[in-house]
Amino acid sequence: MGALWIANVTVTDEESYGKYAALAGPAIAKHGGEFVARGARYVQLEGRERPRNVVARFPSLEVAVECYHSPEYQEALDFARNASERELMVVETTD
């Protein structure tokens, strides 16, 4: 089964977050991830609003989690940690 990586983000430092994004995209692609939505329009219906929402599709839940823990993604994440408030989850799809 595939998996979706879902991030809800409030960026607090555009410059540092830009460095994160520049490194995160290639790290995600290296693990077979492809973006389904990335900072597009949205409507908040419930819960805490985060103005940047990202969804990436991966071949499996395990591959998505492996990507998160990879050295490439962790290097990118160093730039996001102090430049954003975020929630991230991986959800297995039913396909």
PDB file of N, CA and C in Angstrom:
ATOM      1  N   MET A   1       0.841  -1.194   0.000  1.00  0.00           N
ATOM      2  CA  MET A   1       0.000   0.000   0.000  1.00  0.00           C
ATOM      3  C   MET A   1       0.876   1.244   0.000  1.00  0.00           C
ATOM      4  N   GLY A   2       0.370   2.283  -0.609  1.00  0.00           N
ATOM      5  CA  GLY A   2       1.059   3.563  -0.621  1.00  0.00           C
ATOM      6  C   GLY A   2       0.859   4.305   0.689  1.00  0.00           C
ATOM      7  N   ALA A   3       1.431   5.491   0.763  1.00  0.00           N
ATOM      8  CA  ALA A   3       1.299   6.311   1.965  1.00  0.00           C
ATOM      9  C   ALA A   3       1.354   7.779   1.580  1.00  0.00           C
ATOM     10  N   LEU A   4       0.713   8.597   2.393  1.00  0.00           N
ATOM     11  CA  LEU A   4       0.746  10.046   2.231  1.00  0.00           C
ATOM     12  C   LEU A   4       1.482  10.664   3.412  1.00  0.00           C
ATOM     13  N   TRP A   5       2.397  11.548   3.108  1.00  0.00           N
ATOM     14  CA  TRP A   5       3.139  12.340   4.090  1.00  0.00           C
ATOM     15  C   TRP A   5       2.413  13.670   4.118  1.00  0.00           C
ATOM     16  N   ILE A   6       1.858  14.036   5.248  1.00  0.00           N
ATOM     17  CA  ILE A   6       1.035  15.239   5.362  1.00  0.00           C
ATOM     18  C   ILE A   6       1.667  16.178   6.384  1.00  0.00           C
ATOM     19  N   ALA A   7       2.020  17.380   5.915  1.00  0.00           N
ATOM     20  CA  ALA A   7       2.632  18.384   6.785  1.00  0.00           C
ATOM     21  C   ALA A   7       1.758  19.628   6.802  1.00  0.00           C
ATOM     22  N   ASN A   8       1.543  20.149   7.985  1.00  0.00           N
ATOM     23  CA  ASN A   8       0.825  21.407   8.186  1.00  0.00           C
ATOM     24  C   ASN A   8       1.805  22.345   8.865  1.00  0.00           C
ATOM     25  N   VAL A   9       2.069  23.504   8.227  1.00  0.00           N
ATOM     26  CA  VAL A   9       3.212  24.328   8.628  1.00  0.00           C
ATOM     27  C   VAL A   9       2.844  25.802   8.732  1.00  0.00           C
ATOM     28  N   THR A  10       3.383  26.450   9.746  1.00  0.00           N
ATOM     29  CA  THR A  10       3.426  27.904   9.837  1.00  0.00           C
ATOM     30  C   THR A  10       4.898  28.287   9.776  1.00  0.00           C
ATOM     31  N   VAL A  11       5.283  29.010   8.749  1.00  0.00           N
ATOM     32  CA  VAL A  11       6.675  29.420   8.572  1.00  0.00           C
ATOM     33  C   VAL A  11       6.919  30.685   9.397  1.00  0.00           C
ATOM     34  N   THR A  12       7.983  30.667  10.196  1.00  0.00           N
ATOM     35  CA  THR A  12       8.331  31.823  11.027  1.00  0.00           C
ATOM     36  C   THR A  12       9.613  32.508  10.559  1.00  0.00           C
ATOM     37  N   ASP A  13      10.378  31.846   9.709  1.00  0.00           N
ATOM     38  CA  ASP A  13      11.618  32.417   9.159  1.00  0.00           C
ATOM     39  C   ASP A  13      11.714  31.964   7.702  1.00  0.00           C
ATOM     40  N   GLU A  14      11.293  32.832   6.784  1.00  0.00           N
ATOM     41  CA  GLU A  14      11.228  32.487   5.361  1.00  0.00           C
ATOM     42  C   GLU A  14      12.581  32.065   4.791  1.00  0.00           C
ATOM     43  N   GLU A  15      13.641  32.757   5.169  1.00  0.00           N
ATOM     44  CA  GLU A  15      14.968  32.455   4.610  1.00  0.00           C
ATOM     45  C   GLU A  15      15.428  31.045   4.986  1.00  0.00           C
ATOM     46  N   SER A  16      15.369  30.718   6.268  1.00  0.00           N
ATOM     47  CA  SER A  16      15.782  29.380   6.706  1.00  0.00           C
ATOM     48  C   SER A  16      14.851  28.307   6.160  1.00  0.00           C
ATOM     49  N   TYR A  17      13.569  28.603   6.127  1.00  0.00           N
ATOM     50  CA  TYR A  17      12.628  27.606   5.618  1.00  0.00           C
ATOM     51  C   TYR A  17      12.855  27.365   4.126  1.00  0.00           C
ATOM     52  N   GLY A  18      13.267  28.385   3.417  1.00  0.00           N
ATOM     53  CA  GLY A  18      13.608  28.219   2.008  1.00  0.00           C
ATOM     54  C   GLY A  18      14.764  27.248   1.819  1.00  0.00           C
ATOM     55  N   LYS A  19      15.737  27.296   2.721  1.00  0.00           N
ATOM     56  CA  LYS A  19      16.861  26.354   2.672  1.00  0.00           C
ATOM     57  C   LYS A  19      16.365  24.935   2.944  1.00  0.00           C
ATOM     58  N   TYR A  20      15.449  24.810   3.905  1.00  0.00           N
ATOM     59  CA  TYR A  20      14.843  23.503   4.175  1.00  0.00           C
ATOM     60  C   TYR A  20      14.169  22.969   2.916  1.00  0.00           C
ATOM     61  N   ALA A  21      13.332  23.778   2.291  1.00  0.00           N
ATOM     62  CA  ALA A  21      12.572  23.341   1.117  1.00  0.00           C
ATOM     63  C   ALA A  21      13.499  22.928  -0.020  1.00  0.00           C
ATOM     64  N   ALA A  22      14.587  23.663  -0.202  1.00  0.00           N
ATOM     65  CA  ALA A  22      15.528  23.344  -1.274  1.00  0.00           C
ATOM     66  C   ALA A  22      16.175  21.972  -1.079  1.00  0.00           C
ATOM     67  N   LEU A  23      16.398  21.575   0.163  1.00  0.00           N
ATOM     68  CA  LEU A  23      17.003  20.273   0.459  1.00  0.00           C
ATOM     69  C   LEU A  23      15.959  19.166   0.616  1.00  0.00           C
ATOM     70  N   ALA A  24      14.794  19.504   1.141  1.00  0.00           N
ATOM     71  CA  ALA A  24      13.776  18.487   1.415  1.00  0.00           C
ATOM     72  C   ALA A  24      13.213  17.885   0.134  1.00  0.00           C
ATOM     73  N   GLY A  25      12.972  18.710  -0.866  1.00  0.00           N
ATOM     74  CA  GLY A  25      12.408  18.201  -2.127  1.00  0.00           C
ATOM     75  C   GLY A  25      13.230  17.073  -2.720  1.00  0.00           C
ATOM     76  N   PRO A  26      14.538  17.264  -2.919  1.00  0.00           N
ATOM     77  CA  PRO A  26      15.363  16.179  -3.446  1.00  0.00           C
ATOM     78  C   PRO A  26      15.426  14.950  -2.525  1.00  0.00           C
ATOM     79  N   ALA A  27      15.422  15.168  -1.212  1.00  0.00           N
ATOM     80  CA  ALA A  27      15.441  14.029  -0.279  1.00  0.00           C
ATOM     81  C   ALA A  27      14.166  13.210  -0.414  1.00  0.00           C
ATOM     82  N   ILE A  28      13.044  13.890  -0.548  1.00  0.00           N
ATOM     83  CA  ILE A  28      11.766  13.200  -0.712  1.00  0.00           C
ATOM     84  C   ILE A  28      11.736  12.456  -2.039  1.00  0.00           C
ATOM     85  N   ALA A  29      12.185  13.093  -3.115  1.00  0.00           N
ATOM     86  CA  ALA A  29      12.208  12.453  -4.435  1.00  0.00           C
ATOM     87  C   ALA A  29      13.123  11.230  -4.441  1.00  0.00           C
ATOM     88  N   LYS A  30      14.248  11.313  -3.739  1.00  0.00           N
ATOM     89  CA  LYS A  30      15.198  10.195  -3.672  1.00  0.00           C
ATOM     90  C   LYS A  30      14.536   8.938  -3.100  1.00  0.00           C
ATOM     91  N   HIS A  31      13.543   9.135  -2.249  1.00  0.00           N
ATOM     92  CA  HIS A  31      12.849   8.009  -1.624  1.00  0.00           C
ATOM     93  C   HIS A  31      11.540   7.674  -2.339  1.00  0.00           C
ATOM     94  N   GLY A  32      11.388   8.134  -3.553  1.00  0.00           N
ATOM     95  CA  GLY A  32      10.197   7.796  -4.337  1.00  0.00           C
ATOM     96  C   GLY A  32       8.992   8.650  -4.014  1.00  0.00           C
ATOM     97  N   GLY A  33       9.181   9.715  -3.245  1.00  0.00           N
ATOM     98  CA  GLY A  33       8.067  10.593  -2.905  1.00  0.00           C
ATOM     99  C   GLY A  33       7.787  11.577  -4.026  1.00  0.00           C
ATOM    100  N   GLU A  34       6.514  11.869  -4.222  1.00  0.00           N
ATOM    101  CA  GLU A  34       6.126  12.884  -5.200  1.00  0.00           C
ATOM    102  C   GLU A  34       5.070  13.777  -4.576  1.00  0.00           C
ATOM    103  N   PHE A  35       5.193  15.065  -4.823  1.00  0.00           N
ATOM    104  CA  PHE A  35       4.270  16.018  -4.218  1.00  0.00           C
ATOM    105  C   PHE A  35       2.908  15.971  -4.894  1.00  0.00           C
ATOM    106  N   VAL A  36       1.871  15.905  -4.069  1.00  0.00           N
ATOM    107  CA  VAL A  36       0.490  15.950  -4.526  1.00  0.00           C
ATOM    108  C   VAL A  36      -0.060  17.358  -4.310  1.00  0.00           C
ATOM    109  N   ALA A  37       0.323  17.977  -3.217  1.00  0.00           N
ATOM    110  CA  ALA A  37      -0.061  19.363  -2.905  1.00  0.00           C
ATOM    111  C   ALA A  37       1.103  19.999  -2.168  1.00  0.00           C
ATOM    112  N   ARG A  38       1.363  21.266  -2.505  1.00  0.00           N
ATOM    113  CA  ARG A  38       2.511  21.934  -1.870  1.00  0.00           C
ATOM    114  C   ARG A  38       2.228  23.430  -1.824  1.00  0.00           C
ATOM    115  N   GLY A  39       1.709  23.888  -0.676  1.00  0.00           N
ATOM    116  CA  GLY A  39       1.454  25.304  -0.502  1.00  0.00           C
ATOM    117  C   GLY A  39       0.308  25.840  -1.339  1.00  0.00           C
ATOM    118  N   ALA A  40      -0.594  24.971  -1.769  1.00  0.00           N
ATOM    119  CA  ALA A  40      -1.712  25.390  -2.607  1.00  0.00           C
ATOM    120  C   ALA A  40      -2.850  25.975  -1.760  1.00  0.00           C
ATOM    121  N   ARG A  41      -3.876  26.456  -2.438  1.00  0.00           N
ATOM    122  CA  ARG A  41      -5.053  26.989  -1.742  1.00  0.00           C
ATOM    123  C   ARG A  41      -5.676  25.898  -0.878  1.00  0.00           C
ATOM    124  N   TYR A  42      -6.314  26.318   0.203  1.00  0.00           N
ATOM    125  CA  TYR A  42      -6.965  25.369   1.110  1.00  0.00           C
ATOM    126  C   TYR A  42      -8.105  26.082   1.831  1.00  0.00           C
ATOM    127  N   VAL A  43      -8.945  25.292   2.450  1.00  0.00           N
ATOM    128  CA  VAL A  43     -10.014  25.802   3.310  1.00  0.00           C
ATOM    129  C   VAL A  43      -9.891  25.062   4.636  1.00  0.00           C
ATOM    130  N   GLN A  44      -9.684  25.782   5.721  1.00  0.00           N
ATOM    131  CA  GLN A  44      -9.576  25.180   7.047  1.00  0.00           C
ATOM    132  C   GLN A  44     -10.979  24.961   7.587  1.00  0.00           C
ATOM    133  N   LEU A  45     -11.351  23.723   7.810  1.00  0.00           N
ATOM    134  CA  LEU A  45     -12.690  23.411   8.311  1.00  0.00           C
ATOM    135  C   LEU A  45     -12.697  23.108   9.804  1.00  0.00           C
ATOM    136  N   GLU A  46     -11.633  22.526  10.315  1.00  0.00           N
ATOM    137  CA  GLU A  46     -11.538  22.204  11.741  1.00  0.00           C
ATOM    138  C   GLU A  46     -10.077  22.293  12.168  1.00  0.00           C
ATOM    139  N   GLY A  47      -9.863  22.406  13.464  1.00  0.00           N
ATOM    140  CA  GLY A  47      -8.516  22.357  14.024  1.00  0.00           C
ATOM    141  C   GLY A  47      -7.714  23.625  13.809  1.00  0.00           C
ATOM    142  N   ARG A  48      -6.453  23.514  14.155  1.00  0.00           N
ATOM    143  CA  ARG A  48      -5.537  24.661  14.099  1.00  0.00           C
ATOM    144  C   ARG A  48      -5.136  24.948  12.652  1.00  0.00           C
ATOM    145  N   GLU A  49      -5.254  26.189  12.275  1.00  0.00           N
ATOM    146  CA  GLU A  49      -4.911  26.585  10.912  1.00  0.00           C
ATOM    147  C   GLU A  49      -3.400  26.739  10.758  1.00  0.00           C
ATOM    148  N   ARG A  50      -2.869  26.173   9.704  1.00  0.00           N
ATOM    149  CA  ARG A  50      -1.480  26.330   9.302  1.00  0.00           C
ATOM    150  C   ARG A  50      -1.509  26.762   7.838  1.00  0.00           C
ATOM    151  N   PRO A  51      -0.914  27.893   7.499  1.00  0.00           N
ATOM    152  CA  PRO A  51      -1.050  28.423   6.141  1.00  0.00           C
ATOM    153  C   PRO A  51      -0.303  27.660   5.050  1.00  0.00           C
ATOM    154  N   ARG A  52       0.607  26.778   5.411  1.00  0.00           N
ATOM    155  CA  ARG A  52       1.311  25.988   4.390  1.00  0.00           C
ATOM    156  C   ARG A  52       1.021  24.517   4.636  1.00  0.00           C
ATOM    157  N   ASN A  53       0.479  23.866   3.623  1.00  0.00           N
ATOM    158  CA  ASN A  53       0.111  22.458   3.734  1.00  0.00           C
ATOM    159  C   ASN A  53       0.749  21.695   2.587  1.00  0.00           C
ATOM    160  N   VAL A  54       1.370  20.568   2.924  1.00  0.00           N
ATOM    161  CA  VAL A  54       2.104  19.783   1.939  1.00  0.00           C
ATOM    162  C   VAL A  54       1.672  18.329   2.047  1.00  0.00           C
ATOM    163  N   VAL A  55       1.408  17.717   0.894  1.00  0.00           N
ATOM    164  CA  VAL A  55       1.090  16.294   0.834  1.00  0.00           C
ATOM    165  C   VAL A  55       2.001  15.666  -0.217  1.00  0.00           C
ATOM    166  N   ALA A  56       2.699  14.608   0.185  1.00  0.00           N
ATOM    167  CA  ALA A  56       3.553  13.864  -0.742  1.00  0.00           C
ATOM    168  C   ALA A  56       3.138  12.398  -0.698  1.00  0.00           C
ATOM    169  N   ARG A  57       3.134  11.765  -1.847  1.00  0.00           N
ATOM    170  CA  ARG A  57       2.787  10.340  -1.954  1.00  0.00           C
ATOM    171  C   ARG A  57       4.076   9.526  -1.999  1.00  0.00           C
ATOM    172  N   PHE A  58       4.104   8.442  -1.226  1.00  0.00           N
ATOM    173  CA  PHE A  58       5.241   7.521  -1.182  1.00  0.00           C
ATOM    174  C   PHE A  58       4.779   6.115  -1.523  1.00  0.00           C
ATOM    175  N   PRO A  59       5.701   5.253  -1.935  1.00  0.00           N
ATOM    176  CA  PRO A  59       5.331   3.872  -2.263  1.00  0.00           C
ATOM    177  C   PRO A  59       4.775   3.081  -1.076  1.00  0.00           C
ATOM    178  N   SER A  60       5.221   3.407   0.134  1.00  0.00           N
ATOM    179  CA  SER A  60       4.731   2.698   1.325  1.00  0.00           C
ATOM    180  C   SER A  60       4.957   3.559   2.556  1.00  0.00           C
ATOM    181  N   LEU A  61       4.285   3.205   3.631  1.00  0.00           N
ATOM    182  CA  LEU A  61       4.463   3.891   4.900  1.00  0.00           C
ATOM    183  C   LEU A  61       5.912   3.760   5.374  1.00  0.00           C
ATOM    184  N   GLU A  62       6.463   2.561   5.211  1.00  0.00           N
ATOM    185  CA  GLU A  62       7.829   2.320   5.668  1.00  0.00           C
ATOM    186  C   GLU A  62       8.844   3.194   4.914  1.00  0.00           C
ATOM    187  N   VAL A  63       8.644   3.351   3.607  1.00  0.00           N
ATOM    188  CA  VAL A  63       9.555   4.182   2.814  1.00  0.00           C
ATOM    189  C   VAL A  63       9.445   5.644   3.231  1.00  0.00           C
ATOM    190  N   ALA A  64       8.226   6.108   3.516  1.00  0.00           N
ATOM    191  CA  ALA A  64       8.036   7.499   3.960  1.00  0.00           C
ATOM    192  C   ALA A  64       8.740   7.746   5.290  1.00  0.00           C
ATOM    193  N   VAL A  65       8.633   6.820   6.215  1.00  0.00           N
ATOM    194  CA  VAL A  65       9.297   6.963   7.517  1.00  0.00           C
ATOM    195  C   VAL A  65      10.814   6.865   7.341  1.00  0.00           C
ATOM    196  N   GLU A  66      11.259   5.981   6.463  1.00  0.00           N
ATOM    197  CA  GLU A  66      12.691   5.875   6.159  1.00  0.00           C
ATOM    198  C   GLU A  66      13.216   7.200   5.593  1.00  0.00           C
ATOM    199  N   CYS A  67      12.436   7.833   4.730  1.00  0.00           N
ATOM    200  CA  CYS A  67      12.821   9.131   4.184  1.00  0.00           C
ATOM    201  C   CYS A  67      12.997  10.148   5.302  1.00  0.00           C
ATOM    202  N   TYR A  68      12.041  10.199   6.216  1.00  0.00           N
ATOM    203  CA  TYR A  68      12.107  11.152   7.329  1.00  0.00           C
ATOM    204  C   TYR A  68      13.406  10.989   8.115  1.00  0.00           C
ATOM    205  N   HIS A  69      13.807   9.765   8.357  1.00  0.00           N
ATOM    206  CA  HIS A  69      14.996   9.488   9.174  1.00  0.00           C
ATOM    207  C   HIS A  69      16.296   9.494   8.370  1.00  0.00           C
ATOM    208  N   SER A  70      16.211   9.681   7.065  1.00  0.00           N
ATOM    209  CA  SER A  70      17.412   9.656   6.222  1.00  0.00           C
ATOM    210  C   SER A  70      18.322  10.837   6.528  1.00  0.00           C
ATOM    211  N   PRO A  71      19.621  10.668   6.308  1.00  0.00           N
ATOM    212  CA  PRO A  71      20.556  11.780   6.529  1.00  0.00           C
ATOM    213  C   PRO A  71      20.210  13.011   5.688  1.00  0.00           C
ATOM    214  N   GLU A  72      19.742  12.800   4.455  1.00  0.00           N
ATOM    215  CA  GLU A  72      19.414  13.921   3.576  1.00  0.00           C
ATOM    216  C   GLU A  72      18.249  14.738   4.122  1.00  0.00           C
ATOM    217  N   TYR A  73      17.211  14.054   4.588  1.00  0.00           N
ATOM    218  CA  TYR A  73      16.056  14.790   5.103  1.00  0.00           C
ATOM    219  C   TYR A  73      16.382  15.426   6.456  1.00  0.00           C
ATOM    220  N   GLN A  74      17.137  14.743   7.286  1.00  0.00           N
ATOM    221  CA  GLN A  74      17.509  15.308   8.579  1.00  0.00           C
ATOM    222  C   GLN A  74      18.354  16.572   8.405  1.00  0.00           C
ATOM    223  N   GLU A  75      19.209  16.598   7.377  1.00  0.00           N
ATOM    224  CA  GLU A  75      19.982  17.801   7.080  1.00  0.00           C
ATOM    225  C   GLU A  75      19.030  18.949   6.726  1.00  0.00           C
ATOM    226  N   ALA A  76      18.019  18.656   5.905  1.00  0.00           N
ATOM    227  CA  ALA A  76      17.022  19.673   5.554  1.00  0.00           C
ATOM    228  C   ALA A  76      16.257  20.120   6.791  1.00  0.00           C
ATOM    229  N   LEU A  77      15.868  19.169   7.619  1.00  0.00           N
ATOM    230  CA  LEU A  77      15.060  19.453   8.796  1.00  0.00           C
ATOM    231  C   LEU A  77      15.767  20.384   9.776  1.00  0.00           C
ATOM    232  N   ASP A  78      17.079  20.359   9.787  1.00  0.00           N
ATOM    233  CA  ASP A  78      17.831  21.281  10.648  1.00  0.00           C
ATOM    234  C   ASP A  78      17.456  22.737  10.358  1.00  0.00           C
ATOM    235  N   PHE A  79      17.145  23.055   9.107  1.00  0.00           N
ATOM    236  CA  PHE A  79      16.758  24.426   8.746  1.00  0.00           C
ATOM    237  C   PHE A  79      15.306  24.731   9.123  1.00  0.00           C
ATOM    238  N   ALA A  80      14.453  23.714   9.152  1.00  0.00           N
ATOM    239  CA  ALA A  80      13.028  23.924   9.449  1.00  0.00           C
ATOM    240  C   ALA A  80      12.747  24.017  10.942  1.00  0.00           C
ATOM    241  N   ARG A  81      13.551  23.390  11.748  1.00  0.00           N
ATOM    242  CA  ARG A  81      13.265  23.300  13.189  1.00  0.00           C
ATOM    243  C   ARG A  81      13.067  24.653  13.849  1.00  0.00           C
ATOM    244  N   ASN A  82      13.907  25.618  13.564  1.00  0.00           N
ATOM    245  CA  ASN A  82      13.787  26.934  14.177  1.00  0.00           C
ATOM    246  C   ASN A  82      13.146  27.957  13.238  1.00  0.00           C
ATOM    247  N   ALA A  83      12.625  27.479  12.119  1.00  0.00           N
ATOM    248  CA  ALA A  83      12.039  28.375  11.129  1.00  0.00           C
ATOM    249  C   ALA A  83      10.558  28.123  10.902  1.00  0.00           C
ATOM    250  N   SER A  84       9.982  27.217  11.715  1.00  0.00           N
ATOM    251  CA  SER A  84       8.579  26.873  11.490  1.00  0.00           C
ATOM    252  C   SER A  84       7.975  26.192  12.710  1.00  0.00           C
ATOM    253  N   GLU A  85       6.659  26.218  12.734  1.00  0.00           N
ATOM    254  CA  GLU A  85       5.868  25.390  13.654  1.00  0.00           C
ATOM    255  C   GLU A  85       5.141  24.427  12.745  1.00  0.00           C
ATOM    256  N   ARG A  86       5.201  23.127  13.049  1.00  0.00           N
ATOM    257  CA  ARG A  86       4.654  22.167  12.096  1.00  0.00           C
ATOM    258  C   ARG A  86       4.203  20.882  12.752  1.00  0.00           C
ATOM    259  N   GLU A  87       3.304  20.243  12.071  1.00  0.00           N
ATOM    260  CA  GLU A  87       2.892  18.894  12.396  1.00  0.00           C
ATOM    261  C   GLU A  87       3.154  18.064  11.141  1.00  0.00           C
ATOM    262  N   LEU A  88       3.579  16.831  11.331  1.00  0.00           N
ATOM    263  CA  LEU A  88       3.857  15.943  10.208  1.00  0.00           C
ATOM    264  C   LEU A  88       3.378  14.555  10.568  1.00  0.00           C
ATOM    265  N   MET A  89       2.673  13.941   9.638  1.00  0.00           N
ATOM    266  CA  MET A  89       2.229  12.559   9.853  1.00  0.00           C
ATOM    267  C   MET A  89       2.338  11.807   8.544  1.00  0.00           C
ATOM    268  N   VAL A  90       2.388  10.490   8.640  1.00  0.00           N
ATOM    269  CA  VAL A  90       2.337   9.619   7.482  1.00  0.00           C
ATOM    270  C   VAL A  90       1.116   8.724   7.658  1.00  0.00           C
ATOM    271  N   VAL A  91       0.292   8.664   6.606  1.00  0.00           N
ATOM    272  CA  VAL A  91      -0.941   7.892   6.639  1.00  0.00           C
ATOM    273  C   VAL A  91      -0.921   6.886   5.494  1.00  0.00           C
ATOM    274  N   GLU A  92      -1.147   5.624   5.811  1.00  0.00           N
ATOM    275  CA  GLU A  92      -1.208   4.604   4.775  1.00  0.00           C
ATOM    276  C   GLU A  92      -2.487   4.775   3.959  1.00  0.00           C
ATOM    277  N   THR A  93      -2.363   4.633   2.644  1.00  0.00           N
ATOM    278  CA  THR A  93      -3.531   4.765   1.768  1.00  0.00           C
ATOM    279  C   THR A  93      -4.223   3.404   1.630  1.00  0.00           C
ATOM    280  N   THR A  94      -5.413   3.430   1.095  1.00  0.00           N
ATOM    281  CA  THR A  94      -6.194   2.197   0.951  1.00  0.00           C
ATOM    282  C   THR A  94      -6.120   1.602  -0.449  1.00  0.00           C
ATOM    283  N   ASP A  95      -5.292   2.174  -1.319  1.00  0.00           N
ATOM    284  CA  ASP A  95      -5.203   1.647  -2.694  1.00  0.00           C
ATOM    285  C   ASP A  95      -4.386   0.403  -2.799  1.00  0.00           C
TER     286      ASP A  95
END
